[in-house]
PDB file of N, CA and C in Angstrom:
ATOM      1  N   MET A   1     188.101   4.348 -59.680  1.00  0.00           N
ATOM      2  CA  MET A   1     186.859   5.002 -59.305  1.00  0.00           C
ATOM      3  C   MET A   1     186.069   4.078 -58.396  1.00  0.00           C
ATOM      4  N   GLY A   2     185.408   4.675 -57.441  1.00  0.00           N
ATOM      5  CA  GLY A   2     184.602   3.908 -56.509  1.00  0.00           C
ATOM      6  C   GLY A   2     183.344   3.378 -57.164  1.00  0.00           C
ATOM      7  N   ALA A   3     182.627   2.574 -56.422  1.00  0.00           N
ATOM      8  CA  ALA A   3     181.411   1.955 -56.948  1.00  0.00           C
ATOM      9  C   ALA A   3     180.324   2.968 -57.256  1.00  0.00           C
ATOM     10  N   THR A   4     180.410   4.152 -56.691  1.00  0.00           N
ATOM     11  CA  THR A   4     179.365   5.145 -56.929  1.00  0.00           C
ATOM     12  C   THR A   4     179.737   6.143 -58.006  1.00  0.00           C
ATOM     13  N   GLY A   5     181.020   6.285 -58.316  1.00  0.00           N
ATOM     14  CA  GLY A   5     181.445   7.281 -59.288  1.00  0.00           C
ATOM     15  C   GLY A   5     181.365   8.689 -58.757  1.00  0.00           C
ATOM     16  N   LEU A   6     181.063   8.841 -57.465  1.00  0.00           N
ATOM     17  CA  LEU A   6     180.875  10.168 -56.897  1.00  0.00           C
ATOM     18  C   LEU A   6     182.180  10.947 -56.799  1.00  0.00           C
ATOM     19  N   ALA A   7     182.041  12.222 -56.723  1.00  0.00           N
ATOM     20  CA  ALA A   7     183.156  13.145 -56.587  1.00  0.00           C
ATOM     21  C   ALA A   7     182.712  14.247 -55.638  1.00  0.00           C
ATOM     22  N   VAL A   8     183.644  15.116 -55.292  1.00  0.00           N
ATOM     23  CA  VAL A   8     183.345  16.205 -54.374  1.00  0.00           C
ATOM     24  C   VAL A   8     182.528  17.295 -55.048  1.00  0.00           C
ATOM     25  N   LYS A   9     182.783  17.544 -56.309  1.00  0.00           N
ATOM     26  CA  LYS A   9     182.120  18.625 -57.038  1.00  0.00           C
ATOM     27  C   LYS A   9     181.503  18.092 -58.332  1.00  0.00           C
ATOM     28  N   PRO A  10     180.441  18.744 -58.795  1.00  0.00           N
ATOM     29  CA  PRO A  10     179.784  18.303 -60.028  1.00  0.00           C
ATOM     30  C   PRO A  10     180.718  18.240 -61.241  1.00  0.00           C
ATOM     31  N   ILE A  11     181.673  19.141 -61.341  1.00  0.00           N
ATOM     32  CA  ILE A  11     182.593  19.136 -62.490  1.00  0.00           C
ATOM     33  C   ILE A  11     183.409  17.843 -62.502  1.00  0.00           C
ATOM     34  N   GLU A  12     183.901  17.462 -61.351  1.00  0.00           N
ATOM     35  CA  GLU A  12     184.659  16.210 -61.233  1.00  0.00           C
ATOM     36  C   GLU A  12     183.749  15.004 -61.477  1.00  0.00           C
ATOM     37  N   TYR A  13     182.537  15.087 -60.990  1.00  0.00           N
ATOM     38  CA  TYR A  13     181.562  14.016 -61.198  1.00  0.00           C
ATOM     39  C   TYR A  13     181.311  13.823 -62.696  1.00  0.00           C
ATOM     40  N   ARG A  14     181.103  14.914 -63.429  1.00  0.00           N
ATOM     41  CA  ARG A  14     180.897  14.815 -64.871  1.00  0.00           C
ATOM     42  C   ARG A  14     182.092  14.125 -65.538  1.00  0.00           C
ATOM     43  N   LYS A  15     183.275  14.510 -65.136  1.00  0.00           N
ATOM     44  CA  LYS A  15     184.483  13.911 -65.712  1.00  0.00           C
ATOM     45  C   LYS A  15     184.516  12.403 -65.452  1.00  0.00           C
ATOM     46  N   ARG A  16     184.179  12.012 -64.235  1.00  0.00           N
ATOM     47  CA  ARG A  16     184.162  10.588 -63.906  1.00  0.00           C
ATOM     48  C   ARG A  16     183.089   9.844 -64.684  1.00  0.00           C
ATOM     49  N   LEU A  17     181.947  10.476 -64.845  1.00  0.00           N
ATOM     50  CA  LEU A  17     180.864   9.828 -65.584  1.00  0.00           C
ATOM     51  C   LEU A  17     181.254   9.537 -67.030  1.00  0.00           C
ATOM     52  N   THR A  18     182.019  10.419 -67.636  1.00  0.00           N
ATOM     53  CA  THR A  18     182.423  10.204 -69.032  1.00  0.00           C
ATOM     54  C   THR A  18     183.300   8.970 -69.196  1.00  0.00           C
ATOM     55  N   GLN A  19     183.853   8.482 -68.097  1.00  0.00           N
ATOM     56  CA  GLN A  19     184.716   7.299 -68.137  1.00  0.00           C
ATOM     57  C   GLN A  19     183.947   5.995 -67.899  1.00  0.00           C
ATOM     58  N   GLU A  20     182.670   6.103 -67.614  1.00  0.00           N
ATOM     59  CA  GLU A  20     181.847   4.928 -67.310  1.00  0.00           C
ATOM     60  C   GLU A  20     181.226   4.340 -68.580  1.00  0.00           C
ATOM     61  N   THR A  21     180.816   3.091 -68.473  1.00  0.00           N
ATOM     62  CA  THR A  21     180.128   2.433 -69.580  1.00  0.00           C
ATOM     63  C   THR A  21     178.696   2.953 -69.696  1.00  0.00           C
ATOM     64  N   ASP A  22     178.108   2.786 -70.847  1.00  0.00           N
ATOM     65  CA  ASP A  22     176.707   3.162 -71.033  1.00  0.00           C
ATOM     66  C   ASP A  22     175.804   2.384 -70.073  1.00  0.00           C
ATOM     67  N   GLU A  23     176.100   1.115 -69.878  1.00  0.00           N
ATOM     68  CA  GLU A  23     175.288   0.282 -69.001  1.00  0.00           C
ATOM     69  C   GLU A  23     175.300   0.826 -67.572  1.00  0.00           C
ATOM     70  N   GLN A  24     176.471   1.254 -67.107  1.00  0.00           N
ATOM     71  CA  GLN A  24     176.569   1.785 -65.749  1.00  0.00           C
ATOM     72  C   GLN A  24     175.818   3.114 -65.630  1.00  0.00           C
ATOM     73  N   LEU A  25     175.992   3.986 -66.633  1.00  0.00           N
ATOM     74  CA  LEU A  25     175.284   5.270 -66.618  1.00  0.00           C
ATOM     75  C   LEU A  25     173.771   5.058 -66.581  1.00  0.00           C
ATOM     76  N   ASP A  26     173.295   4.134 -67.408  1.00  0.00           N
ATOM     77  CA  ASP A  26     171.856   3.858 -67.453  1.00  0.00           C
ATOM     78  C   ASP A  26     171.358   3.333 -66.109  1.00  0.00           C
ATOM     79  N   ALA A  27     172.127   2.436 -65.509  1.00  0.00           N
ATOM     80  CA  ALA A  27     171.727   1.885 -64.203  1.00  0.00           C
ATOM     81  C   ALA A  27     171.659   2.991 -63.155  1.00  0.00           C
ATOM     82  N   TRP A  28     172.660   3.857 -63.128  1.00  0.00           N
ATOM     83  CA  TRP A  28     172.660   4.945 -62.152  1.00  0.00           C
ATOM     84  C   TRP A  28     171.500   5.913 -62.395  1.00  0.00           C
ATOM     85  N   ALA A  29     171.228   6.222 -63.675  1.00  0.00           N
ATOM     86  CA  ALA A  29     170.131   7.147 -63.981  1.00  0.00           C
ATOM     87  C   ALA A  29     168.788   6.549 -63.550  1.00  0.00           C
ATOM     88  N   LYS A  30     168.591   5.280 -63.812  1.00  0.00           N
ATOM     89  CA  LYS A  30     167.342   4.623 -63.418  1.00  0.00           C
ATOM     90  C   LYS A  30     167.191   4.586 -61.900  1.00  0.00           C
ATOM     91  N   GLU A  31     168.278   4.278 -61.206  1.00  0.00           N
ATOM     92  CA  GLU A  31     168.231   4.263 -59.740  1.00  0.00           C
ATOM     93  C   GLU A  31     167.955   5.657 -59.182  1.00  0.00           C
ATOM     94  N   LEU A  32     168.581   6.652 -59.787  1.00  0.00           N
ATOM     95  CA  LEU A  32     168.363   8.025 -59.346  1.00  0.00           C
ATOM     96  C   LEU A  32     166.907   8.431 -59.542  1.00  0.00           C
ATOM     97  N   MET A  33     166.336   8.088 -60.689  1.00  0.00           N
ATOM     98  CA  MET A  33     164.932   8.397 -60.942  1.00  0.00           C
ATOM     99  C   MET A  33     164.043   7.776 -59.878  1.00  0.00           C
ATOM    100  N   ARG A  34     164.302   6.525 -59.547  1.00  0.00           N
ATOM    101  CA  ARG A  34     163.517   5.837 -58.510  1.00  0.00           C
ATOM    102  C   ARG A  34     163.657   6.554 -57.170  1.00  0.00           C
ATOM    103  N   ASP A  35     164.896   6.869 -56.787  1.00  0.00           N
ATOM    104  CA  ASP A  35     165.136   7.500 -55.488  1.00  0.00           C
ATOM    105  C   ASP A  35     164.516   8.898 -55.403  1.00  0.00           C
ATOM    106  N   VAL A  36     164.655   9.682 -56.466  1.00  0.00           N
ATOM    107  CA  VAL A  36     164.082  11.028 -56.467  1.00  0.00           C
ATOM    108  C   VAL A  36     162.550  10.945 -56.463  1.00  0.00           C
ATOM    109  N   ALA A  37     161.996   9.992 -57.197  1.00  0.00           N
ATOM    110  CA  ALA A  37     160.536   9.837 -57.211  1.00  0.00           C
ATOM    111  C   ALA A  37     160.021   9.521 -55.812  1.00  0.00           C
ATOM    112  N   ILE A  38     160.748   8.705 -55.074  1.00  0.00           N
ATOM    113  CA  ILE A  38     160.335   8.367 -53.710  1.00  0.00           C
ATOM    114  C   ILE A  38     160.414   9.595 -52.817  1.00  0.00           C
ATOM    115  N   ARG A  39     161.490  10.341 -52.928  1.00  0.00           N
ATOM    116  CA  ARG A  39     161.708  11.489 -52.040  1.00  0.00           C
ATOM    117  C   ARG A  39     160.955  12.737 -52.451  1.00  0.00           C
ATOM    118  N   ARG A  40     160.912  13.003 -53.765  1.00  0.00           N
ATOM    119  CA  ARG A  40     160.396  14.301 -54.208  1.00  0.00           C
ATOM    120  C   ARG A  40     159.248  14.198 -55.208  1.00  0.00           C
ATOM    121  N   GLY A  41     158.939  12.999 -55.662  1.00  0.00           N
ATOM    122  CA  GLY A  41     157.796  12.807 -56.547  1.00  0.00           C
ATOM    123  C   GLY A  41     158.154  12.569 -58.006  1.00  0.00           C
ATOM    124  N   VAL A  42     157.248  11.879 -58.668  1.00  0.00           N
ATOM    125  CA  VAL A  42     157.422  11.538 -60.080  1.00  0.00           C
ATOM    126  C   VAL A  42     157.467  12.795 -60.949  1.00  0.00           C
ATOM    127  N   ILE A  43     156.667  13.780 -60.615  1.00  0.00           N
ATOM    128  CA  ILE A  43     156.628  15.006 -61.416  1.00  0.00           C
ATOM    129  C   ILE A  43     158.008  15.660 -61.461  1.00  0.00           C
ATOM    130  N   THR A  44     158.719  15.648 -60.353  1.00  0.00           N
ATOM    131  CA  THR A  44     160.070  16.211 -60.306  1.00  0.00           C
ATOM    132  C   THR A  44     160.988  15.465 -61.259  1.00  0.00           C
ATOM    133  N   VAL A  45     160.901  14.140 -61.257  1.00  0.00           N
ATOM    134  CA  VAL A  45     161.748  13.338 -62.144  1.00  0.00           C
ATOM    135  C   VAL A  45     161.430  13.646 -63.597  1.00  0.00           C
ATOM    136  N   VAL A  46     160.163  13.622 -63.943  1.00  0.00           N
ATOM    137  CA  VAL A  46     159.766  13.880 -65.337  1.00  0.00           C
ATOM    138  C   VAL A  46     160.223  15.269 -65.767  1.00  0.00           C
ATOM    139  N   SER A  47     160.022  16.247 -64.920  1.00  0.00           N
ATOM    140  CA  SER A  47     160.443  17.615 -65.230  1.00  0.00           C
ATOM    141  C   SER A  47     161.962  17.707 -65.403  1.00  0.00           C
ATOM    142  N   ASP A  48     162.709  17.065 -64.510  1.00  0.00           N
ATOM    143  CA  ASP A  48     164.173  17.075 -64.608  1.00  0.00           C
ATOM    144  C   ASP A  48     164.657  16.405 -65.886  1.00  0.00           C
ATOM    145  N   VAL A  49     164.070  15.271 -66.209  1.00  0.00           N
ATOM    146  CA  VAL A  49     164.460  14.567 -67.436  1.00  0.00           C
ATOM    147  C   VAL A  49     164.133  15.425 -68.650  1.00  0.00           C
ATOM    148  N   GLN A  50     162.953  15.996 -68.648  1.00  0.00           N
ATOM    149  CA  GLN A  50     162.535  16.819 -69.782  1.00  0.00           C
ATOM    150  C   GLN A  50     163.494  17.990 -69.979  1.00  0.00           C
ATOM    151  N   ARG A  51     163.867  18.633 -68.879  1.00  0.00           N
ATOM    152  CA  ARG A  51     164.772  19.791 -68.953  1.00  0.00           C
ATOM    153  C   ARG A  51     166.184  19.382 -69.365  1.00  0.00           C
ATOM    154  N   THR A  52     166.758  18.401 -68.673  1.00  0.00           N
ATOM    155  CA  THR A  52     168.160  18.054 -68.930  1.00  0.00           C
ATOM    156  C   THR A  52     168.348  17.313 -70.247  1.00  0.00           C
ATOM    157  N   ALA A  53     167.331  16.589 -70.672  1.00  0.00           N
ATOM    158  CA  ALA A  53     167.428  15.890 -71.955  1.00  0.00           C
ATOM    159  C   ALA A  53     166.939  16.758 -73.112  1.00  0.00           C
ATOM    160  N   ARG A  54     166.506  17.969 -72.784  1.00  0.00           N
ATOM    161  CA  ARG A  54     166.067  18.930 -73.788  1.00  0.00           C
ATOM    162  C   ARG A  54     164.952  18.340 -74.681  1.00  0.00           C
ATOM    163  N   LEU A  55     163.901  17.867 -74.001  1.00  0.00           N
ATOM    164  CA  LEU A  55     162.765  17.275 -74.696  1.00  0.00           C
ATOM    165  C   LEU A  55     161.525  18.133 -74.488  1.00  0.00           C
ATOM    166  N   ASP A  56     160.840  18.441 -75.567  1.00  0.00           N
ATOM    167  CA  ASP A  56     159.534  19.071 -75.412  1.00  0.00           C
ATOM    168  C   ASP A  56     158.545  17.966 -75.042  1.00  0.00           C
ATOM    169  N   GLU A  57     157.297  18.309 -74.881  1.00  0.00           N
ATOM    170  CA  GLU A  57     156.323  17.301 -74.467  1.00  0.00           C
ATOM    171  C   GLU A  57     156.227  16.159 -75.471  1.00  0.00           C
ATOM    172  N   ALA A  58     156.176  16.482 -76.753  1.00  0.00           N
ATOM    173  CA  ALA A  58     156.092  15.427 -77.771  1.00  0.00           C
ATOM    174  C   ALA A  58     157.340  14.543 -77.730  1.00  0.00           C
ATOM    175  N   GLY A  59     158.490  15.148 -77.527  1.00  0.00           N
ATOM    176  CA  GLY A  59     159.731  14.389 -77.442  1.00  0.00           C
ATOM    177  C   GLY A  59     159.755  13.468 -76.240  1.00  0.00           C
ATOM    178  N   LEU A  60     159.258  13.951 -75.117  1.00  0.00           N
ATOM    179  CA  LEU A  60     159.209  13.109 -73.927  1.00  0.00           C
ATOM    180  C   LEU A  60     158.249  11.946 -74.138  1.00  0.00           C
ATOM    181  N   ARG A  61     157.104  12.215 -74.717  1.00  0.00           N
ATOM    182  CA  ARG A  61     156.132  11.151 -74.991  1.00  0.00           C
ATOM    183  C   ARG A  61     156.729  10.103 -75.933  1.00  0.00           C
ATOM    184  N   ARG A  62     157.388  10.555 -76.981  1.00  0.00           N
ATOM    185  CA  ARG A  62     157.992   9.648 -77.961  1.00  0.00           C
ATOM    186  C   ARG A  62     159.097   8.811 -77.300  1.00  0.00           C
ATOM    187  N   THR A  63     159.963   9.487 -76.547  1.00  0.00           N
ATOM    188  CA  THR A  63     161.073   8.806 -75.886  1.00  0.00           C
ATOM    189  C   THR A  63     160.558   7.763 -74.907  1.00  0.00           C
ATOM    190  N   TYR A  64     159.564   8.111 -74.134  1.00  0.00           N
ATOM    191  CA  TYR A  64     158.956   7.190 -73.181  1.00  0.00           C
ATOM    192  C   TYR A  64     158.413   5.958 -73.904  1.00  0.00           C
ATOM    193  N   ALA A  65     157.673   6.165 -74.973  1.00  0.00           N
ATOM    194  CA  ALA A  65     157.095   5.053 -75.737  1.00  0.00           C
ATOM    195  C   ALA A  65     158.187   4.204 -76.394  1.00  0.00           C
ATOM    196  N   ARG A  66     159.202   4.841 -76.936  1.00  0.00           N
ATOM    197  CA  ARG A  66     160.302   4.094 -77.561  1.00  0.00           C
ATOM    198  C   ARG A  66     161.080   3.280 -76.536  1.00  0.00           C
ATOM    199  N   GLY A  67     160.997   3.685 -75.269  1.00  0.00           N
ATOM    200  CA  GLY A  67     161.665   2.956 -74.203  1.00  0.00           C
ATOM    201  C   GLY A  67     160.824   1.841 -73.607  1.00  0.00           C
ATOM    202  N   GLY A  68     159.618   1.649 -74.134  1.00  0.00           N
ATOM    203  CA  GLY A  68     158.769   0.559 -73.675  1.00  0.00           C
ATOM    204  C   GLY A  68     157.577   0.983 -72.841  1.00  0.00           C
ATOM    205  N   GLY A  69     157.429   2.277 -72.602  1.00  0.00           N
ATOM    206  CA  GLY A  69     156.274   2.763 -71.845  1.00  0.00           C
ATOM    207  C   GLY A  69     155.039   2.816 -72.726  1.00  0.00           C
ATOM    208  N   ALA A  70     153.921   2.430 -72.181  1.00  0.00           N
ATOM    209  CA  ALA A  70     152.667   2.488 -72.941  1.00  0.00           C
ATOM    210  C   ALA A  70     152.283   3.946 -73.144  1.00  0.00           C
ATOM    211  N   PRO A  71     152.164   4.401 -74.397  1.00  0.00           N
ATOM    212  CA  PRO A  71     151.878   5.815 -74.659  1.00  0.00           C
ATOM    213  C   PRO A  71     150.651   6.342 -73.929  1.00  0.00           C
ATOM    214  N   GLN A  72     149.639   5.512 -73.763  1.00  0.00           N
ATOM    215  CA  GLN A  72     148.410   5.967 -73.122  1.00  0.00           C
ATOM    216  C   GLN A  72     148.577   6.196 -71.621  1.00  0.00           C
ATOM    217  N   THR A  73     149.736   5.817 -71.052  1.00  0.00           N
ATOM    218  CA  THR A  73     149.951   6.036 -69.618  1.00  0.00           C
ATOM    219  C   THR A  73     150.620   7.368 -69.317  1.00  0.00           C
ATOM    220  N   VAL A  74     150.990   8.122 -70.339  1.00  0.00           N
ATOM    221  CA  VAL A  74     151.496   9.481 -70.123  1.00  0.00           C
ATOM    222  C   VAL A  74     150.281  10.368 -69.906  1.00  0.00           C
ATOM    223  N   GLY A  75     150.344  11.186 -68.888  1.00  0.00           N
ATOM    224  CA  GLY A  75     149.201  12.047 -68.603  1.00  0.00           C
ATOM    225  C   GLY A  75     149.609  13.264 -67.811  1.00  0.00           C
ATOM    226  N   TYR A  76     148.645  13.837 -67.146  1.00  0.00           N
ATOM    227  CA  TYR A  76     148.852  15.057 -66.367  1.00  0.00           C
ATOM    228  C   TYR A  76     148.277  14.867 -64.980  1.00  0.00           C
ATOM    229  N   ASP A  77     148.876  15.537 -64.019  1.00  0.00           N
ATOM    230  CA  ASP A  77     148.285  15.542 -62.685  1.00  0.00           C
ATOM    231  C   ASP A  77     147.204  16.628 -62.645  1.00  0.00           C
ATOM    232  N   ALA A  78     146.590  16.815 -61.494  1.00  0.00           N
ATOM    233  CA  ALA A  78     145.493  17.772 -61.354  1.00  0.00           C
ATOM    234  C   ALA A  78     145.921  19.203 -61.647  1.00  0.00           C
ATOM    235  N   GLU A  79     147.215  19.483 -61.504  1.00  0.00           N
ATOM    236  CA  GLU A  79     147.723  20.839 -61.747  1.00  0.00           C
ATOM    237  C   GLU A  79     148.294  21.014 -63.156  1.00  0.00           C
ATOM    238  N   GLY A  80     148.173  19.980 -63.984  1.00  0.00           N
ATOM    239  CA  GLY A  80     148.613  20.081 -65.368  1.00  0.00           C
ATOM    240  C   GLY A  80     150.062  19.700 -65.624  1.00  0.00           C
ATOM    241  N   HIS A  81     150.733  19.106 -64.634  1.00  0.00           N
ATOM    242  CA  HIS A  81     152.115  18.662 -64.824  1.00  0.00           C
ATOM    243  C   HIS A  81     152.147  17.326 -65.562  1.00  0.00           C
ATOM    244  N   LEU A  82     153.031  17.221 -66.522  1.00  0.00           N
ATOM    245  CA  LEU A  82     153.215  15.987 -67.274  1.00  0.00           C
ATOM    246  C   LEU A  82     153.772  14.911 -66.348  1.00  0.00           C
ATOM    247  N   MET A  83     153.239  13.692 -66.465  1.00  0.00           N
ATOM    248  CA  MET A  83     153.767  12.609 -65.636  1.00  0.00           C
ATOM    249  C   MET A  83     153.555  11.259 -66.290  1.00  0.00           C
ATOM    250  N   VAL A  84     154.320  10.293 -65.782  1.00  0.00           N
ATOM    251  CA  VAL A  84     154.224   8.906 -66.211  1.00  0.00           C
ATOM    252  C   VAL A  84     154.145   8.050 -64.946  1.00  0.00           C
ATOM    253  N   PRO A  85     153.735   6.796 -65.058  1.00  0.00           N
ATOM    254  CA  PRO A  85     153.703   5.945 -63.863  1.00  0.00           C
ATOM    255  C   PRO A  85     155.109   5.783 -63.275  1.00  0.00           C
ATOM    256  N   ALA A  86     155.210   5.859 -61.968  1.00  0.00           N
ATOM    257  CA  ALA A  86     156.511   5.745 -61.297  1.00  0.00           C
ATOM    258  C   ALA A  86     157.232   4.461 -61.674  1.00  0.00           C
ATOM    259  N   ILE A  87     156.502   3.387 -61.806  1.00  0.00           N
ATOM    260  CA  ILE A  87     157.108   2.098 -62.101  1.00  0.00           C
ATOM    261  C   ILE A  87     157.745   2.056 -63.497  1.00  0.00           C
ATOM    262  N   ASN A  88     157.395   3.009 -64.344  1.00  0.00           N
ATOM    263  CA  ASN A  88     157.918   3.036 -65.718  1.00  0.00           C
ATOM    264  C   ASN A  88     158.901   4.168 -65.986  1.00  0.00           C
ATOM    265  N   LEU A  89     159.387   4.825 -64.961  1.00  0.00           N
ATOM    266  CA  LEU A  89     160.360   5.906 -65.188  1.00  0.00           C
ATOM    267  C   LEU A  89     161.584   5.422 -65.954  1.00  0.00           C
ATOM    268  N   HIS A  90     161.975   4.189 -65.718  1.00  0.00           N
ATOM    269  CA  HIS A  90     163.137   3.627 -66.406  1.00  0.00           C
ATOM    270  C   HIS A  90     162.987   3.669 -67.930  1.00  0.00           C
ATOM    271  N   CYS A  91     161.764   3.673 -68.417  1.00  0.00           N
ATOM    272  CA  CYS A  91     161.514   3.732 -69.868  1.00  0.00           C
ATOM    273  C   CYS A  91     162.085   5.007 -70.481  1.00  0.00           C
ATOM    274  N   LEU A  92     162.215   6.053 -69.685  1.00  0.00           N
ATOM    275  CA  LEU A  92     162.777   7.304 -70.201  1.00  0.00           C
ATOM    276  C   LEU A  92     164.253   7.135 -70.547  1.00  0.00           C
ATOM    277  N   VAL A  93     164.996   6.400 -69.739  1.00  0.00           N
ATOM    278  CA  VAL A  93     166.418   6.156 -70.023  1.00  0.00           C
ATOM    279  C   VAL A  93     166.549   5.261 -71.245  1.00  0.00           C
ATOM    280  N   THR A  94     165.798   4.166 -71.250  1.00  0.00           N
ATOM    281  CA  THR A  94     165.840   3.242 -72.387  1.00  0.00           C
ATOM    282  C   THR A  94     165.429   3.967 -73.669  1.00  0.00           C
ATOM    283  N   GLY A  95     164.402   4.784 -73.574  1.00  0.00           N
ATOM    284  CA  GLY A  95     163.926   5.531 -74.738  1.00  0.00           C
ATOM    285  C   GLY A  95     164.938   6.527 -75.254  1.00  0.00           C
ATOM    286  N   LEU A  96     165.664   7.183 -74.352  1.00  0.00           N
ATOM    287  CA  LEU A  96     166.721   8.097 -74.803  1.00  0.00           C
ATOM    288  C   LEU A  96     167.739   7.337 -75.633  1.00  0.00           C
ATOM    289  N   ARG A  97     168.127   6.173 -75.182  1.00  0.00           N
ATOM    290  CA  ARG A  97     169.112   5.365 -75.920  1.00  0.00           C
ATOM    291  C   ARG A  97     168.610   4.985 -77.307  1.00  0.00           C
ATOM    292  N   VAL A  98     167.327   4.723 -77.423  1.00  0.00           N
ATOM    293  CA  VAL A  98     166.744   4.312 -78.695  1.00  0.00           C
ATOM    294  C   VAL A  98     166.498   5.508 -79.614  1.00  0.00           C
ATOM    295  N   ASP A  99     166.091   6.624 -79.027  1.00  0.00           N
ATOM    296  CA  ASP A  99     165.517   7.720 -79.808  1.00  0.00           C
ATOM    297  C   ASP A  99     166.434   8.922 -80.034  1.00  0.00           C
ATOM    298  N   VAL A 100     167.461   9.096 -79.214  1.00  0.00           N
ATOM    299  CA  VAL A 100     168.242  10.330 -79.254  1.00  0.00           C
ATOM    300  C   VAL A 100     169.705  10.020 -79.560  1.00  0.00           C
ATOM    301  N   PRO A 101     170.249  10.588 -80.643  1.00  0.00           N
ATOM    302  CA  PRO A 101     171.638  10.289 -81.016  1.00  0.00           C
ATOM    303  C   PRO A 101     172.675  10.606 -79.927  1.00  0.00           C
ATOM    304  N   ASP A 102     172.477  11.650 -79.171  1.00  0.00           N
ATOM    305  CA  ASP A 102     173.441  12.008 -78.124  1.00  0.00           C
ATOM    306  C   ASP A 102     172.909  11.648 -76.733  1.00  0.00           C
ATOM    307  N   ALA A 103     172.265  10.496 -76.649  1.00  0.00           N
ATOM    308  CA  ALA A 103     171.651  10.058 -75.392  1.00  0.00           C
ATOM    309  C   ALA A 103     172.660   9.999 -74.254  1.00  0.00           C
ATOM    310  N   ARG A 104     173.851   9.537 -74.518  1.00  0.00           N
ATOM    311  CA  ARG A 104     174.865   9.422 -73.467  1.00  0.00           C
ATOM    312  C   ARG A 104     175.096  10.781 -72.803  1.00  0.00           C
ATOM    313  N   ALA A 105     175.274  11.807 -73.604  1.00  0.00           N
ATOM    314  CA  ALA A 105     175.504  13.150 -73.069  1.00  0.00           C
ATOM    315  C   ALA A 105     174.306  13.638 -72.274  1.00  0.00           C
ATOM    316  N   ARG A 106     173.118  13.341 -72.734  1.00  0.00           N
ATOM    317  CA  ARG A 106     171.914  13.797 -72.041  1.00  0.00           C
ATOM    318  C   ARG A 106     171.703  13.055 -70.719  1.00  0.00           C
ATOM    319  N   ILE A 107     172.051  11.789 -70.697  1.00  0.00           N
ATOM    320  CA  ILE A 107     171.957  11.026 -69.449  1.00  0.00           C
ATOM    321  C   ILE A 107     172.980  11.547 -68.449  1.00  0.00           C
ATOM    322  N   ILE A 108     174.167  11.836 -68.924  1.00  0.00           N
ATOM    323  CA  ILE A 108     175.183  12.438 -68.042  1.00  0.00           C
ATOM    324  C   ILE A 108     174.688  13.790 -67.536  1.00  0.00           C
ATOM    325  N   ASP A 109     174.083  14.588 -68.396  1.00  0.00           N
ATOM    326  CA  ASP A 109     173.531  15.874 -67.963  1.00  0.00           C
ATOM    327  C   ASP A 109     172.497  15.680 -66.857  1.00  0.00           C
ATOM    328  N   TYR A 110     171.649  14.663 -66.996  1.00  0.00           N
ATOM    329  CA  TYR A 110     170.641  14.382 -65.964  1.00  0.00           C
ATOM    330  C   TYR A 110     171.312  14.025 -64.638  1.00  0.00           C
ATOM    331  N   LEU A 111     172.296  13.150 -64.695  1.00  0.00           N
ATOM    332  CA  LEU A 111     172.991  12.743 -63.467  1.00  0.00           C
ATOM    333  C   LEU A 111     173.689  13.923 -62.801  1.00  0.00           C
ATOM    334  N   VAL A 112     174.376  14.739 -63.592  1.00  0.00           N
ATOM    335  CA  VAL A 112     175.099  15.885 -63.027  1.00  0.00           C
ATOM    336  C   VAL A 112     174.118  16.919 -62.474  1.00  0.00           C
ATOM    337  N   ALA A 113     173.017  17.156 -63.166  1.00  0.00           N
ATOM    338  CA  ALA A 113     172.024  18.128 -62.693  1.00  0.00           C
ATOM    339  C   ALA A 113     171.448  17.710 -61.342  1.00  0.00           C
ATOM    340  N   ASN A 114     171.480  16.434 -61.050  1.00  0.00           N
ATOM    341  CA  ASN A 114     170.941  15.910 -59.789  1.00  0.00           C
ATOM    342  C   ASN A 114     172.052  15.502 -58.824  1.00  0.00           C
ATOM    343  N   PHE A 115     173.213  16.067 -59.010  1.00  0.00           N
ATOM    344  CA  PHE A 115     174.362  15.763 -58.154  1.00  0.00           C
ATOM    345  C   PHE A 115     174.022  15.901 -56.680  1.00  0.00           C
ATOM    346  N   ASP A 116     173.335  16.953 -56.305  1.00  0.00           N
ATOM    347  CA  ASP A 116     172.988  17.164 -54.900  1.00  0.00           C
ATOM    348  C   ASP A 116     172.041  16.090 -54.381  1.00  0.00           C
ATOM    349  N   GLU A 117     171.189  15.592 -55.241  1.00  0.00           N
ATOM    350  CA  GLU A 117     170.289  14.490 -54.846  1.00  0.00           C
ATOM    351  C   GLU A 117     171.101  13.221 -54.578  1.00  0.00           C
ATOM    352  N   ILE A 118     172.075  12.963 -55.419  1.00  0.00           N
ATOM    353  CA  ILE A 118     172.891  11.758 -55.269  1.00  0.00           C
ATOM    354  C   ILE A 118     173.681  11.826 -53.976  1.00  0.00           C
ATOM    355  N   VAL A 119     174.256  12.969 -53.703  1.00  0.00           N
ATOM    356  CA  VAL A 119     175.039  13.129 -52.485  1.00  0.00           C
ATOM    357  C   VAL A 119     174.150  12.985 -51.265  1.00  0.00           C
ATOM    358  N   TYR A 120     172.913  13.466 -51.364  1.00  0.00           N
ATOM    359  CA  TYR A 120     171.961  13.379 -50.248  1.00  0.00           C
ATOM    360  C   TYR A 120     171.623  11.936 -49.924  1.00  0.00           C
ATOM    361  N   VAL A 121     171.344  11.157 -50.974  1.00  0.00           N
ATOM    362  CA  VAL A 121     170.937   9.768 -50.796  1.00  0.00           C
ATOM    363  C   VAL A 121     172.119   9.009 -50.260  1.00  0.00           C
TER     364      VAL A 121
END
């Protein structure tokens, strides 16, 4: 497998991801969050993580805090979208590992759901 783990189609990408170490998956997820936040905004990242990791608002807040994010830094934008500081997006990956038994599967789901973003970058 190449250094990126990329494939032509999301199905193949998912298969390749299952062969990677947890450390590599976490690194890729954190990098993807950073890149998407730069291109499309923090709200998009938070929303994508919440959806693909199947977290309600309380779950996202808990996961973020368990990953090292200061709970008081979770908030809302002017339109009511849940958000966290861009510099702390990585706390969501770390928090999934600490807080969710099937974190590996959820991180893979996040990466696959953003396959088009990865190919774009």
